[in-house]
Amino acid sequence: MGTVKDIREKAYFEEVYRELEGIKVRLTSLREDLGRTYGNDSKLLIAHDRHLVEMVAYVDWKLQILEKGTSFDWKTVGGNNIESDVSVRPPEITTGPDFSGGYVGG
């Protein structure tokens, strides 16, 4: 059984998550609406597209900071949107001379 503080904290984080996810959805929808309304190669879309994409990335970055900076279990709020596993590619096998790309000198 959680304490009142835990319950309030959970409600707060759930609300923050929902609001930030809603902002991401609205920004993405706005970008799609601009493309449908004015055309994908219109000057208006070209002028605003980069900024809309950057704002979506910024909100996503902030969600990641909140996820990593708190003890709250974000998987309970985000459903399938939060990745719990990561994948790493195997190291590339190269042929030829072996050298370091770092500082070489004395």
N, C-alpha and C. Protein backbone atom coordinates (compact mmCIF):
# COMPACT_ATOMS: atom_id res chain seq x y z
N MET A 1 0.85 -1.17 0.00
CA MET A 1 0.00 0.00 0.00
C MET A 1 0.89 1.24 0.00
N GLY A 2 0.64 2.17 -0.91
CA GLY A 2 1.45 3.36 -1.02
C GLY A 2 1.01 4.45 -0.07
N THR A 3 1.92 5.33 0.21
CA THR A 3 1.59 6.47 1.06
C THR A 3 0.92 7.54 0.22
N VAL A 4 0.38 8.54 0.88
CA VAL A 4 -0.27 9.64 0.19
C VAL A 4 0.73 10.34 -0.73
N LYS A 5 1.96 10.49 -0.24
CA LYS A 5 3.00 11.12 -1.06
C LYS A 5 3.26 10.32 -2.33
N ASP A 6 3.33 8.99 -2.22
CA ASP A 6 3.55 8.15 -3.39
C ASP A 6 2.40 8.25 -4.38
N ILE A 7 1.19 8.31 -3.88
CA ILE A 7 0.01 8.41 -4.74
C ILE A 7 -0.01 9.74 -5.46
N ARG A 8 0.30 10.83 -4.76
CA ARG A 8 0.34 12.15 -5.39
C ARG A 8 1.46 12.22 -6.42
N GLU A 9 2.61 11.64 -6.08
CA GLU A 9 3.74 11.65 -7.01
C GLU A 9 3.38 10.86 -8.27
N LYS A 10 2.73 9.72 -8.10
CA LYS A 10 2.33 8.91 -9.25
C LYS A 10 1.35 9.68 -10.12
N ALA A 11 0.37 10.31 -9.52
CA ALA A 11 -0.61 11.09 -10.27
C ALA A 11 0.06 12.24 -11.01
N TYR A 12 1.02 12.88 -10.36
CA TYR A 12 1.75 13.99 -10.98
C TYR A 12 2.51 13.50 -12.22
N PHE A 13 3.26 12.42 -12.08
CA PHE A 13 4.04 11.91 -13.20
C PHE A 13 3.15 11.41 -14.33
N GLU A 14 2.02 10.81 -13.98
CA GLU A 14 1.08 10.37 -15.02
C GLU A 14 0.55 11.57 -15.79
N GLU A 15 0.23 12.64 -15.08
CA GLU A 15 -0.28 13.85 -15.73
C GLU A 15 0.79 14.49 -16.62
N VAL A 16 2.02 14.58 -16.12
CA VAL A 16 3.13 15.13 -16.91
C VAL A 16 3.32 14.31 -18.18
N TYR A 17 3.32 13.01 -18.03
CA TYR A 17 3.52 12.14 -19.19
C TYR A 17 2.41 12.34 -20.22
N ARG A 18 1.16 12.33 -19.76
CA ARG A 18 0.04 12.51 -20.68
C ARG A 18 0.10 13.85 -21.40
N GLU A 19 0.41 14.90 -20.67
CA GLU A 19 0.48 16.23 -21.29
C GLU A 19 1.60 16.31 -22.33
N LEU A 20 2.77 15.81 -22.00
CA LEU A 20 3.88 15.87 -22.94
C LEU A 20 3.63 14.98 -24.16
N GLU A 21 3.04 13.82 -23.95
CA GLU A 21 2.68 12.97 -25.09
C GLU A 21 1.63 13.66 -25.95
N GLY A 22 0.68 14.36 -25.32
CA GLY A 22 -0.33 15.10 -26.07
C GLY A 22 0.29 16.21 -26.90
N ILE A 23 1.29 16.88 -26.36
CA ILE A 23 1.99 17.94 -27.10
C ILE A 23 2.68 17.33 -28.32
N LYS A 24 3.33 16.19 -28.14
CA LYS A 24 3.98 15.53 -29.26
C LYS A 24 2.98 15.18 -30.36
N VAL A 25 1.83 14.65 -29.96
CA VAL A 25 0.81 14.27 -30.94
C VAL A 25 0.28 15.49 -31.67
N ARG A 26 0.04 16.59 -30.95
CA ARG A 26 -0.48 17.80 -31.58
C ARG A 26 0.54 18.41 -32.55
N LEU A 27 1.81 18.39 -32.18
CA LEU A 27 2.84 18.92 -33.07
C LEU A 27 2.95 18.08 -34.34
N THR A 28 2.88 16.77 -34.19
CA THR A 28 2.94 15.88 -35.35
C THR A 28 1.71 16.08 -36.24
N SER A 29 0.55 16.23 -35.62
CA SER A 29 -0.67 16.48 -36.39
C SER A 29 -0.61 17.80 -37.12
N LEU A 30 -0.08 18.82 -36.47
CA LEU A 30 0.05 20.13 -37.11
C LEU A 30 0.95 20.03 -38.33
N ARG A 31 2.02 19.31 -38.21
CA ARG A 31 2.95 19.13 -39.33
C ARG A 31 2.25 18.42 -40.49
N GLU A 32 1.48 17.37 -40.19
CA GLU A 32 0.75 16.65 -41.23
C GLU A 32 -0.33 17.53 -41.86
N ASP A 33 -1.02 18.32 -41.04
CA ASP A 33 -2.05 19.23 -41.56
C ASP A 33 -1.45 20.27 -42.50
N LEU A 34 -0.29 20.80 -42.14
CA LEU A 34 0.37 21.77 -43.03
C LEU A 34 0.69 21.13 -44.37
N GLY A 35 1.17 19.90 -44.36
CA GLY A 35 1.49 19.21 -45.60
C GLY A 35 0.26 18.96 -46.45
N ARG A 36 -0.85 18.56 -45.81
CA ARG A 36 -2.08 18.31 -46.57
C ARG A 36 -2.68 19.60 -47.10
N THR A 37 -2.63 20.65 -46.31
CA THR A 37 -3.27 21.91 -46.68
C THR A 37 -2.48 22.66 -47.74
N TYR A 38 -1.19 22.82 -47.54
CA TYR A 38 -0.39 23.66 -48.42
C TYR A 38 0.51 22.88 -49.37
N GLY A 39 0.60 21.57 -49.20
CA GLY A 39 1.47 20.75 -50.04
C GLY A 39 2.79 20.49 -49.34
N ASN A 40 3.36 19.33 -49.62
CA ASN A 40 4.59 18.94 -48.94
C ASN A 40 5.80 19.75 -49.35
N ASP A 41 5.72 20.45 -50.46
CA ASP A 41 6.86 21.26 -50.89
C ASP A 41 6.56 22.76 -50.84
N SER A 42 5.56 23.13 -50.03
CA SER A 42 5.20 24.55 -49.90
C SER A 42 6.23 25.29 -49.05
N LYS A 43 6.35 26.57 -49.28
CA LYS A 43 7.30 27.39 -48.52
C LYS A 43 6.94 27.43 -47.04
N LEU A 44 5.65 27.46 -46.74
CA LEU A 44 5.22 27.50 -45.34
C LEU A 44 5.64 26.23 -44.60
N LEU A 45 5.40 25.08 -45.21
CA LEU A 45 5.79 23.82 -44.56
C LEU A 45 7.31 23.73 -44.44
N ILE A 46 8.02 24.10 -45.48
CA ILE A 46 9.48 24.04 -45.44
C ILE A 46 10.02 24.96 -44.34
N ALA A 47 9.42 26.11 -44.17
CA ALA A 47 9.88 27.06 -43.15
C ALA A 47 9.61 26.57 -41.73
N HIS A 48 8.53 25.83 -41.53
CA HIS A 48 8.15 25.42 -40.18
C HIS A 48 8.45 23.97 -39.85
N ASP A 49 8.67 23.15 -40.86
CA ASP A 49 8.83 21.72 -40.65
C ASP A 49 9.98 21.40 -39.71
N ARG A 50 11.13 21.98 -39.93
CA ARG A 50 12.29 21.70 -39.09
C ARG A 50 12.02 22.06 -37.64
N HIS A 51 11.35 23.18 -37.42
CA HIS A 51 11.06 23.61 -36.06
C HIS A 51 10.08 22.67 -35.37
N LEU A 52 9.08 22.22 -36.10
CA LEU A 52 8.10 21.28 -35.52
C LEU A 52 8.78 19.96 -35.17
N VAL A 53 9.63 19.48 -36.05
CA VAL A 53 10.35 18.23 -35.78
C VAL A 53 11.27 18.41 -34.58
N GLU A 54 11.94 19.56 -34.48
CA GLU A 54 12.83 19.82 -33.34
C GLU A 54 12.05 19.89 -32.03
N MET A 55 10.85 20.47 -32.06
CA MET A 55 10.04 20.54 -30.85
C MET A 55 9.60 19.16 -30.40
N VAL A 56 9.23 18.29 -31.34
CA VAL A 56 8.85 16.92 -30.99
C VAL A 56 10.05 16.21 -30.36
N ALA A 57 11.23 16.38 -30.96
CA ALA A 57 12.44 15.75 -30.42
C ALA A 57 12.77 16.30 -29.04
N TYR A 58 12.56 17.59 -28.83
CA TYR A 58 12.84 18.21 -27.53
C TYR A 58 11.91 17.66 -26.45
N VAL A 59 10.63 17.56 -26.76
CA VAL A 59 9.68 17.02 -25.79
C VAL A 59 10.02 15.56 -25.49
N ASP A 60 10.38 14.80 -26.52
CA ASP A 60 10.77 13.41 -26.31
C ASP A 60 12.01 13.32 -25.43
N TRP A 61 12.96 14.21 -25.64
CA TRP A 61 14.18 14.26 -24.82
C TRP A 61 13.84 14.56 -23.37
N LYS A 62 12.94 15.50 -23.15
CA LYS A 62 12.53 15.83 -21.78
C LYS A 62 11.84 14.64 -21.11
N LEU A 63 11.04 13.91 -21.87
CA LEU A 63 10.42 12.71 -21.31
C LEU A 63 11.48 11.69 -20.91
N GLN A 64 12.53 11.56 -21.70
CA GLN A 64 13.60 10.64 -21.36
C GLN A 64 14.33 11.09 -20.09
N ILE A 65 14.54 12.39 -19.95
CA ILE A 65 15.18 12.91 -18.74
C ILE A 65 14.32 12.61 -17.52
N LEU A 66 13.03 12.85 -17.62
CA LEU A 66 12.13 12.54 -16.51
C LEU A 66 12.13 11.06 -16.19
N GLU A 67 12.17 10.23 -17.23
CA GLU A 67 12.17 8.79 -17.03
C GLU A 67 13.42 8.34 -16.28
N LYS A 68 14.55 8.88 -16.65
CA LYS A 68 15.81 8.44 -16.04
C LYS A 68 16.10 9.15 -14.72
N GLY A 69 15.54 10.32 -14.51
CA GLY A 69 15.84 11.11 -13.33
C GLY A 69 14.94 10.88 -12.15
N THR A 70 13.95 10.01 -12.30
CA THR A 70 13.03 9.75 -11.20
C THR A 70 12.92 8.25 -10.96
N SER A 71 12.44 7.91 -9.81
CA SER A 71 12.27 6.49 -9.48
C SER A 71 10.91 5.97 -9.93
N PHE A 72 10.14 6.80 -10.58
CA PHE A 72 8.80 6.42 -11.02
C PHE A 72 8.88 5.38 -12.14
N ASP A 73 8.00 4.39 -12.14
CA ASP A 73 7.97 3.36 -13.17
C ASP A 73 7.14 3.87 -14.35
N TRP A 74 7.82 4.40 -15.36
CA TRP A 74 7.15 5.02 -16.50
C TRP A 74 6.44 4.00 -17.37
N LYS A 75 6.81 2.73 -17.28
CA LYS A 75 6.16 1.71 -18.11
C LYS A 75 4.69 1.56 -17.74
N THR A 76 4.32 1.91 -16.51
CA THR A 76 2.92 1.78 -16.11
C THR A 76 2.05 2.86 -16.75
N VAL A 77 2.66 3.98 -17.17
CA VAL A 77 1.89 5.07 -17.78
C VAL A 77 1.90 4.96 -19.28
N GLY A 78 3.08 4.75 -19.85
CA GLY A 78 3.24 4.82 -21.29
C GLY A 78 2.79 3.61 -22.06
N GLY A 79 2.49 2.55 -21.38
CA GLY A 79 2.09 1.35 -22.08
C GLY A 79 3.23 0.82 -22.93
N ASN A 80 3.02 0.73 -24.20
CA ASN A 80 4.03 0.16 -25.09
C ASN A 80 4.99 1.21 -25.63
N ASN A 81 4.82 2.47 -25.30
CA ASN A 81 5.67 3.52 -25.85
C ASN A 81 7.04 3.58 -25.20
N ILE A 82 7.19 3.05 -24.00
CA ILE A 82 8.46 3.10 -23.30
C ILE A 82 9.22 1.80 -23.55
N GLU A 83 10.43 1.95 -24.06
CA GLU A 83 11.24 0.77 -24.32
C GLU A 83 11.98 0.37 -23.05
N SER A 84 11.91 -0.91 -22.71
CA SER A 84 12.61 -1.38 -21.54
C SER A 84 13.90 -2.10 -21.90
N ASP A 85 14.05 -2.45 -23.17
CA ASP A 85 15.24 -3.14 -23.64
C ASP A 85 15.95 -2.27 -24.67
N VAL A 86 17.23 -2.46 -24.75
CA VAL A 86 18.00 -1.76 -25.77
C VAL A 86 18.75 -2.79 -26.59
N SER A 87 19.08 -2.41 -27.80
CA SER A 87 19.85 -3.31 -28.64
C SER A 87 21.13 -2.60 -29.07
N VAL A 88 22.18 -3.37 -29.14
CA VAL A 88 23.48 -2.83 -29.53
C VAL A 88 23.99 -3.68 -30.68
N ARG A 89 24.45 -2.99 -31.72
CA ARG A 89 24.99 -3.71 -32.87
C ARG A 89 26.31 -4.37 -32.49
N PRO A 90 26.61 -5.49 -33.13
CA PRO A 90 27.92 -6.10 -32.89
C PRO A 90 29.02 -5.22 -33.46
N PRO A 91 30.23 -5.32 -32.94
CA PRO A 91 31.31 -4.47 -33.44
C PRO A 91 31.60 -4.78 -34.91
N GLU A 92 31.98 -3.74 -35.63
CA GLU A 92 32.30 -3.90 -37.04
C GLU A 92 33.68 -4.55 -37.17
N ILE A 93 33.78 -5.52 -38.04
CA ILE A 93 35.05 -6.18 -38.30
C ILE A 93 35.66 -5.50 -39.52
N THR A 94 36.83 -4.93 -39.33
CA THR A 94 37.49 -4.22 -40.42
C THR A 94 38.76 -4.94 -40.81
N THR A 95 39.12 -4.76 -42.04
CA THR A 95 40.39 -5.31 -42.50
C THR A 95 41.32 -4.15 -42.79
N GLY A 96 42.60 -4.41 -42.75
CA GLY A 96 43.57 -3.37 -43.02
C GLY A 96 44.32 -3.02 -41.75
N PRO A 97 45.05 -1.94 -41.80
CA PRO A 97 45.86 -1.57 -40.63
C PRO A 97 44.98 -1.19 -39.44
N ASP A 98 45.46 -1.55 -38.27
CA ASP A 98 44.73 -1.24 -37.05
C ASP A 98 45.33 0.02 -36.44
N PHE A 99 44.55 1.07 -36.34
CA PHE A 99 45.03 2.30 -35.76
C PHE A 99 43.94 2.97 -34.96
N SER A 100 44.34 3.82 -34.06
CA SER A 100 43.41 4.57 -33.23
C SER A 100 43.15 5.91 -33.89
N GLY A 101 41.91 6.34 -33.85
CA GLY A 101 41.57 7.63 -34.41
C GLY A 101 41.83 8.78 -33.45
N GLY A 102 42.37 8.48 -32.30
CA GLY A 102 42.61 9.51 -31.29
C GLY A 102 43.94 10.20 -31.48
N TYR A 103 44.48 10.71 -30.41
CA TYR A 103 45.73 11.47 -30.42
C TYR A 103 46.90 10.55 -30.75
N VAL A 104 47.67 10.96 -31.73
CA VAL A 104 48.89 10.22 -32.07
C VAL A 104 50.02 11.23 -32.06
N GLY A 105 50.93 11.06 -31.18
CA GLY A 105 52.05 12.01 -31.13
C GLY A 105 52.74 11.90 -29.79
N GLY A 106 53.72 12.73 -29.63
CA GLY A 106 54.49 12.59 -28.42
C GLY A 106 54.75 13.87 -27.72
